[in-house]
Each structure stands twice: as structure tokens, then as C-alpha cells.
Amino acid sequence: MGSGADATIHQIYFTGGLDMNTPGDYLFIDLYQDYGAFTGSDIGSGTFTISGDDAAYSTCGVCVTIAAQADTTMVDDWYMATGGIVTLTSVSGRLTGSVQNLSFRRVATDANGGPGDTPLDGPSGACNSHITSASFDVALMLGSAAAGAPSAPRRHAAARAPSSPSVAALQSRRG
């Protein structure tokens, strides 16, 4: 995968629709080699607790976010997982696994339109959300997918256009 300016960082993205609304709410699971739980290693299967570096988007390797009231051009609010468990049973050929007891907190939008690290409080305090459990099993695809779900820029990629909900894409970035 090269070295120096020619190195690529292994990344896997999953987008799943949480409702059928337009605009709608989407769950993102973004996996980044050499960040958070994958510091010093490639993306691999296992059970990962969301805490520490994985609870902030700028440092996470196992990044779980919700894009609220989103469509292909905008996201009203971002929520970052601050706790819970992500189990990855396969990251080769298919992305399979589950999430359990995910807790989310609303965060600021960064300068590129993606989730930031700064927690936001509403008029009556922090705005939080929770997902008790969910599972996923999708084929991995190389490269960017076609538009159809939120395409807000992400931390490690200049832009990301996932296709319809429940599609995963295997992507690389020049690092």
C-alpha cells in the first residue's frame, strides 16, 4: 500500500437508513486503519467498546455516527457514539457484525460538513440518542458508491457519497 506520500489508509464505510423519511436519519459505521481501536494495525474483526479515541470523530478507528434529517445535500445534526459495543465478524468480502447499547451525543458540524468533536447542548440540556441493537451484513465494494444517501464530507476523505442505505464501500485515501 506504499509508503510516505504514496501510502493509502484502509477505510471501510457502512451506511444504514434508520427510517424511511426524506430527509431521513442514517447510521454510519466508519472504520479507519491506524486510528482508535486500529492504532498500529489494519482493520480487523473483533469486539470493540466505544470509548477513548473511538468516542471522538477526529481520533476514532471504529467511528459510529448518526446523520439526523439528512439527504444527499445536507445533514441537520450529527450524533457521535460515546459508548456501546461494535462487533465485526467479517471485514473481508462482506462487512458483517452488530452494534449493542450505543449511546450518542449531538456534536457540532465540522468545517467540511461532517461530524465534529464538540458536544452541543440544546435549550434543555444535552441532546442524546440510543440504539439498543442492530446488525449488518453487506457486500464490500471497492471505490466510491453512487449518490442516494447523505454525502457530507467525512474526516478522512475529501468527500464521500454512499449509495442507498445499507450499502458498504471499501475505500482508500492518500495519506
Protein backbone atom coordinates (compact mmCIF):
# COMPACT_ATOMS: atom_id res chain seq x y z
CA MET A 1 0.00 0.00 0.00
CA GLY A 2 3.00 2.24 -0.48
CA SER A 3 4.84 4.47 1.92
CA GLY A 4 5.19 8.18 2.60
CA ALA A 5 3.11 10.31 0.21
CA ASP A 6 2.10 7.18 -1.73
CA ALA A 7 0.68 5.33 1.30
CA THR A 8 -3.00 4.53 1.44
CA ILE A 9 -5.10 4.16 4.57
CA HIS A 10 -7.56 1.28 4.61
CA GLN A 11 -11.10 2.54 5.22
CA ILE A 12 -14.48 0.83 5.29
CA TYR A 13 -17.81 2.68 5.41
CA PHE A 14 -21.30 1.42 6.19
CA THR A 15 -24.47 3.49 5.87
CA GLY A 16 -27.83 2.21 7.10
CA GLY A 17 -31.16 4.01 6.96
CA LEU A 18 -32.87 4.35 10.33
CA ASP A 19 -36.21 5.44 8.87
CA MET A 20 -37.93 5.85 5.51
CA ASN A 21 -38.29 9.64 5.72
CA THR A 22 -36.89 12.23 3.32
CA PRO A 23 -34.82 13.80 4.69
CA GLY A 24 -34.06 10.83 6.95
CA ASP A 25 -31.81 9.56 9.70
CA TYR A 26 -28.77 7.40 8.84
CA LEU A 27 -26.38 5.28 10.88
CA PHE A 28 -22.75 5.42 9.74
CA ILE A 29 -20.08 2.95 10.80
CA ASP A 30 -16.70 4.17 9.53
CA LEU A 31 -13.59 2.06 10.11
CA TYR A 32 -10.10 3.57 9.75
CA GLN A 33 -6.75 1.77 9.81
CA ASP A 34 -4.22 3.25 12.28
CA TYR A 35 -6.83 5.23 14.26
CA GLY A 36 -8.55 4.48 17.59
CA ALA A 37 -9.08 0.74 18.10
CA PHE A 38 -6.97 0.05 14.99
CA THR A 39 -3.95 2.16 16.01
CA GLY A 40 -0.85 0.40 14.70
CA SER A 41 -2.86 -2.17 12.74
CA ASP A 42 -5.18 -2.74 9.82
CA ILE A 43 -8.96 -3.01 10.19
CA GLY A 44 -9.90 -6.42 11.56
CA SER A 45 -12.71 -8.40 13.09
CA GLY A 46 -13.35 -8.35 16.84
CA THR A 47 -15.44 -6.75 19.54
CA PHE A 48 -14.80 -3.07 20.17
CA THR A 49 -16.03 -0.91 23.04
CA ILE A 50 -16.71 2.69 22.07
CA SER A 51 -14.61 4.78 24.47
CA GLY A 52 -11.49 6.95 24.48
CA ASP A 53 -10.27 7.71 20.95
CA ASP A 54 -13.26 5.92 19.40
CA ALA A 55 -15.68 8.35 21.08
CA ALA A 56 -14.35 11.38 19.15
CA TYR A 57 -14.53 11.63 15.37
CA SER A 58 -11.09 13.19 14.90
CA THR A 59 -9.39 10.17 16.52
CA CYS A 60 -11.74 7.18 16.08
CA GLY A 61 -10.88 3.99 14.25
CA VAL A 62 -14.31 2.47 14.98
CA CYS A 63 -16.49 5.53 14.32
CA VAL A 64 -20.26 5.30 14.80
CA THR A 65 -22.36 8.35 13.97
CA ILE A 66 -25.94 9.28 13.15
CA ALA A 67 -26.75 11.87 10.49
CA ALA A 68 -30.14 13.30 11.51
CA GLN A 69 -32.57 14.77 8.98
CA ALA A 70 -30.13 14.18 6.14
CA ASP A 71 -30.37 13.89 2.39
CA THR A 72 -27.83 13.94 -0.44
CA THR A 73 -27.05 17.63 0.07
CA MET A 74 -27.18 18.32 3.81
CA VAL A 75 -27.23 16.98 7.38
CA ASP A 76 -29.17 18.90 10.04
CA ASP A 77 -27.44 17.32 13.06
CA TRP A 78 -24.63 14.86 13.77
CA TYR A 79 -24.59 12.47 16.73
CA MET A 80 -21.38 10.69 17.81
CA ALA A 81 -21.39 7.38 19.69
CA THR A 82 -19.99 7.88 23.18
CA GLY A 83 -20.46 4.31 24.41
CA GLY A 84 -21.58 0.86 23.39
CA ILE A 85 -20.17 -2.15 21.58
CA VAL A 86 -19.44 -2.82 17.91
CA THR A 87 -18.80 -6.43 16.89
CA LEU A 88 -17.22 -7.03 13.49
CA THR A 89 -17.42 -10.68 12.42
CA SER A 90 -16.12 -10.10 8.86
CA VAL A 91 -14.30 -7.22 7.18
CA SER A 92 -13.24 -9.11 4.04
CA GLY A 93 -15.61 -9.63 1.13
CA ARG A 94 -18.59 -8.84 3.34
CA LEU A 95 -18.95 -6.43 6.24
CA THR A 96 -20.89 -8.31 8.90
CA GLY A 97 -21.47 -7.61 12.55
CA SER A 98 -23.67 -5.94 15.11
CA VAL A 99 -23.94 -2.99 17.47
CA GLN A 100 -25.28 -3.05 21.02
CA ASN A 101 -26.22 -0.41 23.58
CA LEU A 102 -24.92 2.53 21.58
CA SER A 103 -25.23 5.91 23.28
CA PHE A 104 -24.98 9.06 21.15
CA ARG A 105 -24.47 12.75 21.87
CA ARG A 106 -25.18 15.57 19.44
CA VAL A 107 -21.95 17.17 18.18
CA ALA A 108 -21.06 20.25 16.16
CA THR A 109 -20.64 20.02 12.40
CA ASP A 110 -17.02 20.44 11.32
CA ALA A 111 -15.82 22.87 8.62
CA ASN A 112 -16.25 20.17 5.93
CA GLY A 113 -19.84 19.33 6.89
CA GLY A 114 -19.02 16.13 8.77
CA PRO A 115 -19.29 15.33 12.47
CA GLY A 116 -17.06 17.35 14.78
CA ASP A 117 -15.81 16.61 18.27
CA THR A 118 -17.52 19.45 20.18
CA PRO A 119 -20.63 18.30 22.10
CA LEU A 120 -23.69 20.53 21.65
CA ASP A 121 -26.32 21.25 24.27
CA GLY A 122 -29.87 22.22 23.44
CA PRO A 123 -32.15 24.63 25.33
CA SER A 124 -32.96 21.93 27.90
CA GLY A 125 -29.53 20.28 28.08
CA ALA A 126 -27.61 17.74 26.05
CA CYS A 127 -29.37 16.08 23.12
CA ASN A 128 -28.74 12.33 23.26
CA SER A 129 -29.91 9.22 21.44
CA HIS A 130 -29.61 5.44 21.88
CA ILE A 131 -29.64 2.31 19.72
CA THR A 132 -30.23 -0.89 21.70
CA SER A 133 -29.13 -3.32 18.97
CA ALA A 134 -28.79 -3.72 15.22
CA SER A 135 -26.96 -5.99 12.82
CA PHE A 136 -25.50 -5.60 9.33
CA ASP A 137 -24.37 -7.93 6.55
CA VAL A 138 -23.42 -6.29 3.25
CA ALA A 139 -21.00 -6.92 0.41
CA LEU A 140 -17.96 -4.66 0.36
CA MET A 141 -17.41 -2.69 -2.83
CA LEU A 142 -14.19 -1.06 -3.96
CA GLY A 143 -14.27 2.72 -4.51
CA SER A 144 -16.98 5.32 -4.12
CA ALA A 145 -20.62 4.42 -4.48
CA ALA A 146 -23.25 6.41 -6.38
CA ALA A 147 -25.29 9.14 -4.70
CA GLY A 148 -28.54 8.36 -2.91
CA ALA A 149 -27.93 8.90 0.82
CA PRO A 150 -26.15 11.67 2.72
CA SER A 151 -22.90 12.73 1.10
CA ALA A 152 -21.49 15.00 3.78
CA PRO A 153 -17.69 15.01 3.76
CA ARG A 154 -16.06 12.74 6.31
CA ARG A 155 -12.95 13.22 8.44
CA HIS A 156 -10.52 11.14 6.39
CA ALA A 157 -11.93 11.59 2.90
CA ALA A 158 -12.39 14.76 0.90
CA ALA A 159 -15.94 13.70 0.10
CA ARG A 160 -18.00 10.56 0.45
CA ALA A 161 -21.16 9.72 -1.43
CA PRO A 162 -22.63 6.49 -0.08
CA SER A 163 -25.31 4.90 -2.19
CA SER A 164 -28.66 3.85 -0.83
CA PRO A 165 -28.96 2.92 2.86
CA SER A 166 -27.41 -0.42 3.85
CA VAL A 167 -24.52 -0.25 1.38
CA ALA A 168 -20.89 -0.53 2.44
CA ALA A 169 -17.95 0.73 0.44
CA LEU A 170 -14.30 -0.15 0.80
CA GLN A 171 -12.30 2.98 0.10
CA SER A 172 -8.75 4.28 0.38
CA ARG A 173 -7.29 7.72 0.91
CA ARG A 174 -3.92 9.16 0.03
CA GLY A 175 -2.18 9.85 3.34
